[in-house]
Amino acid sequence: MNRSLVIGVVVGAAFAAGAGAVAGLKMTGKGVEKGPEYAQVLKVTPITQRTHTPRQDCHDESVTHQAPLEDRDTYTTTEQKCATVYDTSEKTAGYAVRYRLGGEEATVNMDHDPGERIPVRNGQLDLAAAQSAKAN
């Protein structure tokens, strides 16, 4: 066999083996620097919205009247008295979520309580995945 042919086959085999090893590492994720898959939730604070709804509060009240001086009679009538009162209700409008990602702390507003962690994709919070994970 020709010496240059043998060298070519050996170099080609070494190159193929090396390329295969690199591809295998990339597929398994080993040897490739990846960021965290989740952000750690530190604190969840409900954001509440207060609503004041007006309504009429009416009740009947007995009122005593005195006739003019010459009669000296008294009589009682029932009158309806009304006042505007306000009913207060409170609902949760969302959540302020304090989290840690890669050593940094930050806050994000979410429409649900994410639990203990928030999914991360490409180094950013994946809020769509967090929502679908909460729905399941």
N, C-alpha and C. Protein backbone atom coordinates (compact mmCIF):
# COMPACT_ATOMS: atom_id res chain seq x y z
N MET A 1 0.82 -1.17 0.00
CA MET A 1 0.00 0.00 0.00
C MET A 1 0.87 1.24 0.00
N ASN A 2 0.42 2.25 -0.58
CA ASN A 2 1.13 3.51 -0.71
C ASN A 2 1.15 4.22 0.65
N ARG A 3 2.31 4.78 1.01
CA ARG A 3 2.45 5.42 2.31
C ARG A 3 1.51 6.60 2.46
N SER A 4 1.32 7.46 1.48
CA SER A 4 0.43 8.62 1.55
C SER A 4 -1.02 8.18 1.67
N LEU A 5 -1.37 7.03 1.09
CA LEU A 5 -2.73 6.51 1.22
C LEU A 5 -2.99 6.09 2.64
N VAL A 6 -2.04 5.44 3.27
CA VAL A 6 -2.18 5.00 4.67
C VAL A 6 -2.30 6.22 5.57
N ILE A 7 -1.50 7.25 5.36
CA ILE A 7 -1.56 8.46 6.17
C ILE A 7 -2.92 9.13 5.99
N GLY A 8 -3.42 9.17 4.78
CA GLY A 8 -4.73 9.78 4.50
C GLY A 8 -5.86 9.05 5.21
N VAL A 9 -5.78 7.70 5.19
CA VAL A 9 -6.83 6.91 5.85
C VAL A 9 -6.78 7.13 7.36
N VAL A 10 -5.59 7.16 7.95
CA VAL A 10 -5.45 7.34 9.40
C VAL A 10 -5.93 8.74 9.80
N VAL A 11 -5.54 9.77 9.07
CA VAL A 11 -5.95 11.15 9.38
C VAL A 11 -7.46 11.27 9.22
N GLY A 12 -8.02 10.68 8.17
CA GLY A 12 -9.47 10.73 7.94
C GLY A 12 -10.24 10.04 9.05
N ALA A 13 -9.74 8.90 9.50
CA ALA A 13 -10.40 8.17 10.58
C ALA A 13 -10.34 8.95 11.88
N ALA A 14 -9.20 9.58 12.15
CA ALA A 14 -9.06 10.39 13.38
C ALA A 14 -10.00 11.59 13.33
N PHE A 15 -10.09 12.23 12.18
CA PHE A 15 -10.98 13.37 12.03
C PHE A 15 -12.44 12.95 12.22
N ALA A 16 -12.84 11.85 11.63
CA ALA A 16 -14.22 11.35 11.76
C ALA A 16 -14.54 11.00 13.20
N ALA A 17 -13.59 10.38 13.89
CA ALA A 17 -13.82 10.02 15.29
C ALA A 17 -13.97 11.28 16.15
N GLY A 18 -13.14 12.27 15.90
CA GLY A 18 -13.22 13.53 16.66
C GLY A 18 -14.53 14.26 16.41
N ALA A 19 -14.93 14.33 15.15
CA ALA A 19 -16.19 15.00 14.81
C ALA A 19 -17.37 14.27 15.44
N GLY A 20 -17.32 12.96 15.44
CA GLY A 20 -18.39 12.17 16.05
C GLY A 20 -18.46 12.40 17.55
N ALA A 21 -17.32 12.51 18.20
CA ALA A 21 -17.29 12.75 19.65
C ALA A 21 -17.87 14.12 19.98
N VAL A 22 -17.53 15.15 19.21
CA VAL A 22 -18.05 16.50 19.44
C VAL A 22 -19.56 16.53 19.22
N ALA A 23 -20.03 15.88 18.16
CA ALA A 23 -21.47 15.84 17.89
C ALA A 23 -22.20 15.11 19.01
N GLY A 24 -21.62 14.05 19.50
CA GLY A 24 -22.24 13.30 20.61
C GLY A 24 -22.35 14.15 21.86
N LEU A 25 -21.31 14.93 22.16
CA LEU A 25 -21.35 15.80 23.33
C LEU A 25 -22.42 16.88 23.19
N LYS A 26 -22.55 17.42 21.99
CA LYS A 26 -23.55 18.46 21.78
C LYS A 26 -24.96 17.89 21.93
N MET A 27 -25.19 16.69 21.46
CA MET A 27 -26.52 16.09 21.55
C MET A 27 -26.88 15.75 22.99
N THR A 28 -25.92 15.32 23.79
CA THR A 28 -26.22 14.98 25.18
C THR A 28 -26.15 16.19 26.08
N GLY A 29 -25.60 17.29 25.60
CA GLY A 29 -25.50 18.50 26.40
C GLY A 29 -24.28 18.53 27.28
N LYS A 30 -23.46 17.47 27.26
CA LYS A 30 -22.26 17.43 28.08
C LYS A 30 -21.15 18.18 27.36
N GLY A 31 -20.40 18.90 28.14
CA GLY A 31 -19.28 19.62 27.56
C GLY A 31 -19.70 20.95 26.95
N VAL A 32 -20.99 21.22 26.90
CA VAL A 32 -21.47 22.47 26.35
C VAL A 32 -21.98 23.31 27.52
N GLU A 33 -21.52 24.52 27.61
CA GLU A 33 -21.93 25.40 28.70
C GLU A 33 -23.38 25.83 28.49
N LYS A 34 -24.24 25.38 29.41
CA LYS A 34 -25.67 25.75 29.35
C LYS A 34 -26.00 26.59 30.56
N GLY A 35 -26.99 27.47 30.40
CA GLY A 35 -27.45 28.26 31.54
C GLY A 35 -28.43 27.43 32.36
N PRO A 36 -28.93 27.99 33.44
CA PRO A 36 -29.89 27.27 34.27
C PRO A 36 -31.20 27.04 33.53
N GLU A 37 -31.86 25.94 33.86
CA GLU A 37 -33.14 25.62 33.23
C GLU A 37 -34.30 26.29 33.95
N TYR A 38 -34.09 26.70 35.21
CA TYR A 38 -35.14 27.32 36.01
C TYR A 38 -34.58 28.49 36.80
N ALA A 39 -35.43 29.49 37.03
CA ALA A 39 -35.12 30.57 37.96
C ALA A 39 -35.77 30.21 39.29
N GLN A 40 -35.08 30.48 40.37
CA GLN A 40 -35.60 30.18 41.70
C GLN A 40 -36.50 31.33 42.16
N VAL A 41 -37.74 30.99 42.53
CA VAL A 41 -38.67 32.00 43.04
C VAL A 41 -38.34 32.25 44.51
N LEU A 42 -38.14 33.53 44.84
CA LEU A 42 -37.79 33.91 46.21
C LEU A 42 -39.00 34.38 47.00
N LYS A 43 -39.91 35.13 46.34
CA LYS A 43 -41.07 35.69 47.03
C LYS A 43 -42.17 35.97 46.02
N VAL A 44 -43.41 35.67 46.42
CA VAL A 44 -44.57 35.96 45.58
C VAL A 44 -45.51 36.83 46.40
N THR A 45 -45.82 38.02 45.87
CA THR A 45 -46.71 38.96 46.56
C THR A 45 -47.93 39.21 45.69
N PRO A 46 -49.14 38.91 46.20
CA PRO A 46 -50.34 39.20 45.41
C PRO A 46 -50.50 40.70 45.17
N ILE A 47 -50.91 41.05 43.97
CA ILE A 47 -51.24 42.43 43.63
C ILE A 47 -52.76 42.51 43.66
N THR A 48 -53.30 43.28 44.60
CA THR A 48 -54.75 43.33 44.75
C THR A 48 -55.32 44.62 44.17
N GLN A 49 -56.56 44.51 43.75
CA GLN A 49 -57.27 45.65 43.18
C GLN A 49 -58.55 45.84 44.00
N ARG A 50 -58.72 47.03 44.55
CA ARG A 50 -59.88 47.32 45.38
C ARG A 50 -60.90 48.09 44.55
N THR A 51 -62.17 47.68 44.65
CA THR A 51 -63.25 48.31 43.90
C THR A 51 -64.32 48.78 44.89
N HIS A 52 -64.78 50.02 44.69
CA HIS A 52 -65.87 50.58 45.50
C HIS A 52 -67.09 50.71 44.60
N THR A 53 -68.16 50.00 44.97
CA THR A 53 -69.37 50.01 44.16
C THR A 53 -70.48 50.72 44.93
N PRO A 54 -71.04 51.82 44.35
CA PRO A 54 -72.10 52.54 45.07
C PRO A 54 -73.44 51.81 44.96
N ARG A 55 -74.25 51.96 46.00
CA ARG A 55 -75.62 51.44 45.97
C ARG A 55 -76.46 52.26 46.93
N GLN A 56 -77.77 52.24 46.70
CA GLN A 56 -78.70 52.96 47.57
C GLN A 56 -79.11 52.05 48.72
N ASP A 57 -79.01 52.57 49.94
CA ASP A 57 -79.46 51.85 51.12
C ASP A 57 -80.67 52.62 51.66
N CYS A 58 -81.85 52.02 51.53
CA CYS A 58 -83.09 52.69 51.92
C CYS A 58 -83.76 51.93 53.07
N HIS A 59 -84.43 52.69 53.92
CA HIS A 59 -85.20 52.10 55.01
C HIS A 59 -86.37 53.03 55.35
N ASP A 60 -87.39 52.44 55.92
CA ASP A 60 -88.54 53.23 56.35
C ASP A 60 -88.30 53.76 57.74
N GLU A 61 -88.72 55.00 57.96
CA GLU A 61 -88.53 55.64 59.25
C GLU A 61 -89.82 56.32 59.67
N SER A 62 -90.23 56.09 60.89
CA SER A 62 -91.44 56.75 61.41
C SER A 62 -91.07 58.15 61.85
N VAL A 63 -91.90 59.12 61.41
CA VAL A 63 -91.67 60.52 61.74
C VAL A 63 -92.94 61.06 62.39
N THR A 64 -92.80 61.69 63.55
CA THR A 64 -93.94 62.28 64.25
C THR A 64 -94.02 63.75 63.90
N HIS A 65 -95.23 64.18 63.50
CA HIS A 65 -95.46 65.58 63.15
C HIS A 65 -96.45 66.17 64.15
N GLN A 66 -96.34 67.45 64.42
CA GLN A 66 -97.31 68.13 65.28
C GLN A 66 -98.15 69.03 64.40
N ALA A 67 -99.44 68.96 64.64
CA ALA A 67 -100.38 69.79 63.87
C ALA A 67 -100.17 71.25 64.26
N PRO A 68 -100.75 72.16 63.49
CA PRO A 68 -100.65 73.58 63.85
C PRO A 68 -101.15 73.83 65.28
N LEU A 69 -100.80 74.91 65.88
CA LEU A 69 -101.06 75.22 67.28
C LEU A 69 -102.52 75.08 67.69
N GLU A 70 -103.44 75.45 66.84
CA GLU A 70 -104.84 75.38 67.23
C GLU A 70 -105.33 73.95 67.41
N ASP A 71 -104.70 72.97 66.72
CA ASP A 71 -105.14 71.57 66.83
C ASP A 71 -104.49 70.85 68.01
N ARG A 72 -103.28 71.07 68.22
CA ARG A 72 -102.47 70.40 69.25
C ARG A 72 -102.46 68.88 69.09
N ASP A 73 -102.81 68.38 67.93
CA ASP A 73 -102.75 66.94 67.66
C ASP A 73 -101.39 66.61 67.06
N THR A 74 -100.99 65.38 67.26
CA THR A 74 -99.78 64.88 66.61
C THR A 74 -100.18 63.70 65.73
N TYR A 75 -99.44 63.50 64.72
CA TYR A 75 -99.66 62.34 63.85
C TYR A 75 -98.31 61.82 63.38
N THR A 76 -98.30 60.54 63.04
CA THR A 76 -97.06 59.87 62.64
C THR A 76 -97.19 59.43 61.19
N THR A 77 -96.14 59.64 60.45
CA THR A 77 -96.09 59.15 59.07
C THR A 77 -94.83 58.29 58.92
N THR A 78 -94.86 57.50 57.88
CA THR A 78 -93.68 56.70 57.55
C THR A 78 -93.06 57.30 56.31
N GLU A 79 -91.77 57.59 56.43
CA GLU A 79 -91.05 58.14 55.28
C GLU A 79 -89.88 57.23 54.94
N GLN A 80 -89.58 57.17 53.68
CA GLN A 80 -88.43 56.37 53.25
C GLN A 80 -87.20 57.26 53.20
N LYS A 81 -86.16 56.83 53.90
CA LYS A 81 -84.89 57.56 53.92
C LYS A 81 -83.87 56.72 53.16
N CYS A 82 -83.14 57.37 52.28
CA CYS A 82 -82.13 56.66 51.47
C CYS A 82 -80.79 57.38 51.59
N ALA A 83 -79.74 56.58 51.50
CA ALA A 83 -78.38 57.11 51.50
C ALA A 83 -77.54 56.27 50.54
N THR A 84 -76.55 56.90 49.95
CA THR A 84 -75.63 56.17 49.08
C THR A 84 -74.53 55.58 49.96
N VAL A 85 -74.35 54.28 49.85
CA VAL A 85 -73.27 53.60 50.57
C VAL A 85 -72.39 52.90 49.54
N TYR A 86 -71.19 52.57 49.94
CA TYR A 86 -70.23 51.94 49.01
C TYR A 86 -69.83 50.58 49.54
N ASP A 87 -70.01 49.57 48.69
CA ASP A 87 -69.53 48.23 49.00
C ASP A 87 -68.11 48.13 48.45
N THR A 88 -67.21 47.60 49.26
CA THR A 88 -65.81 47.45 48.86
C THR A 88 -65.51 45.98 48.62
N SER A 89 -64.91 45.70 47.48
CA SER A 89 -64.48 44.33 47.19
C SER A 89 -63.02 44.37 46.75
N GLU A 90 -62.35 43.27 46.95
CA GLU A 90 -60.94 43.19 46.61
C GLU A 90 -60.70 41.91 45.82
N LYS A 91 -59.95 42.01 44.72
CA LYS A 91 -59.62 40.81 43.96
C LYS A 91 -58.14 40.85 43.61
N THR A 92 -57.58 39.66 43.38
CA THR A 92 -56.18 39.55 43.01
C THR A 92 -56.05 39.81 41.51
N ALA A 93 -55.25 40.84 41.17
CA ALA A 93 -55.07 41.23 39.77
C ALA A 93 -53.82 40.60 39.16
N GLY A 94 -52.95 40.02 39.98
CA GLY A 94 -51.72 39.42 39.50
C GLY A 94 -50.78 39.18 40.67
N TYR A 95 -49.53 38.90 40.35
CA TYR A 95 -48.53 38.60 41.39
C TYR A 95 -47.20 39.25 41.03
N ALA A 96 -46.57 39.87 42.03
CA ALA A 96 -45.21 40.37 41.88
C ALA A 96 -44.30 39.24 42.34
N VAL A 97 -43.48 38.74 41.42
CA VAL A 97 -42.65 37.56 41.69
C VAL A 97 -41.18 37.97 41.73
N ARG A 98 -40.56 37.82 42.88
CA ARG A 98 -39.12 38.07 43.04
C ARG A 98 -38.41 36.74 42.79
N TYR A 99 -37.39 36.77 41.92
CA TYR A 99 -36.71 35.52 41.54
C TYR A 99 -35.21 35.74 41.44
N ARG A 100 -34.47 34.63 41.43
CA ARG A 100 -33.02 34.66 41.25
C ARG A 100 -32.68 33.83 40.01
N LEU A 101 -31.89 34.43 39.12
CA LEU A 101 -31.45 33.74 37.91
C LEU A 101 -29.99 34.09 37.67
N GLY A 102 -29.14 33.07 37.72
CA GLY A 102 -27.72 33.28 37.47
C GLY A 102 -27.06 34.24 38.44
N GLY A 103 -27.45 34.21 39.70
CA GLY A 103 -26.85 35.08 40.70
C GLY A 103 -27.46 36.47 40.77
N GLU A 104 -28.35 36.80 39.85
CA GLU A 104 -29.01 38.11 39.82
C GLU A 104 -30.43 37.96 40.34
N GLU A 105 -30.90 38.96 41.09
CA GLU A 105 -32.28 38.98 41.56
C GLU A 105 -33.05 40.05 40.81
N ALA A 106 -34.32 39.75 40.51
CA ALA A 106 -35.19 40.69 39.81
C ALA A 106 -36.64 40.37 40.16
N THR A 107 -37.54 41.23 39.70
CA THR A 107 -38.97 41.05 39.94
C THR A 107 -39.70 41.12 38.60
N VAL A 108 -40.70 40.27 38.46
CA VAL A 108 -41.55 40.28 37.27
C VAL A 108 -42.99 40.15 37.74
N ASN A 109 -43.92 40.81 37.04
CA ASN A 109 -45.34 40.66 37.33
C ASN A 109 -45.89 39.52 36.49
N MET A 110 -46.65 38.64 37.13
CA MET A 110 -47.24 37.49 36.44
C MET A 110 -48.73 37.42 36.76
N ASP A 111 -49.48 36.74 35.92
CA ASP A 111 -50.92 36.62 36.16
C ASP A 111 -51.27 35.43 37.04
N HIS A 112 -50.27 34.67 37.46
CA HIS A 112 -50.50 33.53 38.35
C HIS A 112 -49.29 33.34 39.27
N ASP A 113 -49.49 32.60 40.33
CA ASP A 113 -48.41 32.26 41.25
C ASP A 113 -47.62 31.12 40.60
N PRO A 114 -46.33 31.31 40.29
CA PRO A 114 -45.59 30.29 39.54
C PRO A 114 -45.12 29.10 40.38
N GLY A 115 -45.24 29.19 41.69
CA GLY A 115 -44.73 28.11 42.53
C GLY A 115 -43.28 28.38 42.91
N GLU A 116 -42.46 27.34 42.97
CA GLU A 116 -41.09 27.47 43.45
C GLU A 116 -40.08 27.86 42.38
N ARG A 117 -40.44 27.69 41.09
CA ARG A 117 -39.47 27.99 40.03
C ARG A 117 -40.18 28.41 38.76
N ILE A 118 -39.42 29.11 37.89
CA ILE A 118 -39.92 29.59 36.60
C ILE A 118 -39.00 29.03 35.52
N PRO A 119 -39.56 28.41 34.47
CA PRO A 119 -38.71 27.89 33.40
C PRO A 119 -37.90 29.00 32.71
N VAL A 120 -36.70 28.63 32.23
CA VAL A 120 -35.81 29.57 31.54
C VAL A 120 -35.47 28.98 30.18
N ARG A 121 -35.47 29.83 29.16
CA ARG A 121 -35.06 29.42 27.81
C ARG A 121 -34.13 30.49 27.27
N ASN A 122 -32.97 30.07 26.80
CA ASN A 122 -31.96 30.97 26.25
C ASN A 122 -31.61 32.09 27.23
N GLY A 123 -31.54 31.77 28.51
CA GLY A 123 -31.14 32.74 29.51
C GLY A 123 -32.22 33.70 29.96
N GLN A 124 -33.44 33.56 29.42
CA GLN A 124 -34.54 34.46 29.75
C GLN A 124 -35.69 33.66 30.37
N LEU A 125 -36.50 34.33 31.22
CA LEU A 125 -37.68 33.67 31.76
C LEU A 125 -38.60 33.27 30.62
N ASP A 126 -39.12 32.06 30.67
CA ASP A 126 -40.07 31.58 29.66
C ASP A 126 -41.45 31.62 30.30
N LEU A 127 -42.07 32.81 30.27
CA LEU A 127 -43.35 33.01 30.94
C LEU A 127 -44.48 32.23 30.27
N ALA A 128 -44.38 31.98 28.97
CA ALA A 128 -45.39 31.17 28.29
C ALA A 128 -45.35 29.73 28.79
N ALA A 129 -44.15 29.20 28.97
CA ALA A 129 -44.02 27.84 29.49
C ALA A 129 -44.47 27.78 30.94
N ALA A 130 -44.21 28.85 31.70
CA ALA A 130 -44.64 28.90 33.11
C ALA A 130 -46.15 28.87 33.18
N GLN A 131 -46.83 29.59 32.26
CA GLN A 131 -48.28 29.61 32.25
C GLN A 131 -48.86 28.25 31.89
N SER A 132 -48.29 27.61 30.87
CA SER A 132 -48.83 26.30 30.45
C SER A 132 -48.53 25.22 31.50
N ALA A 133 -47.39 25.34 32.20
CA ALA A 133 -47.08 24.39 33.25
C ALA A 133 -48.05 24.54 34.41
N LYS A 134 -48.47 25.76 34.70
CA LYS A 134 -49.43 26.01 35.78
C LYS A 134 -50.81 25.49 35.40
N ALA A 135 -51.16 25.55 34.11
CA ALA A 135 -52.48 25.10 33.66
C ALA A 135 -52.61 23.60 33.71
N ASN A 136 -51.50 22.86 33.59
CA ASN A 136 -51.55 21.39 33.59
C ASN A 136 -51.57 20.82 34.95
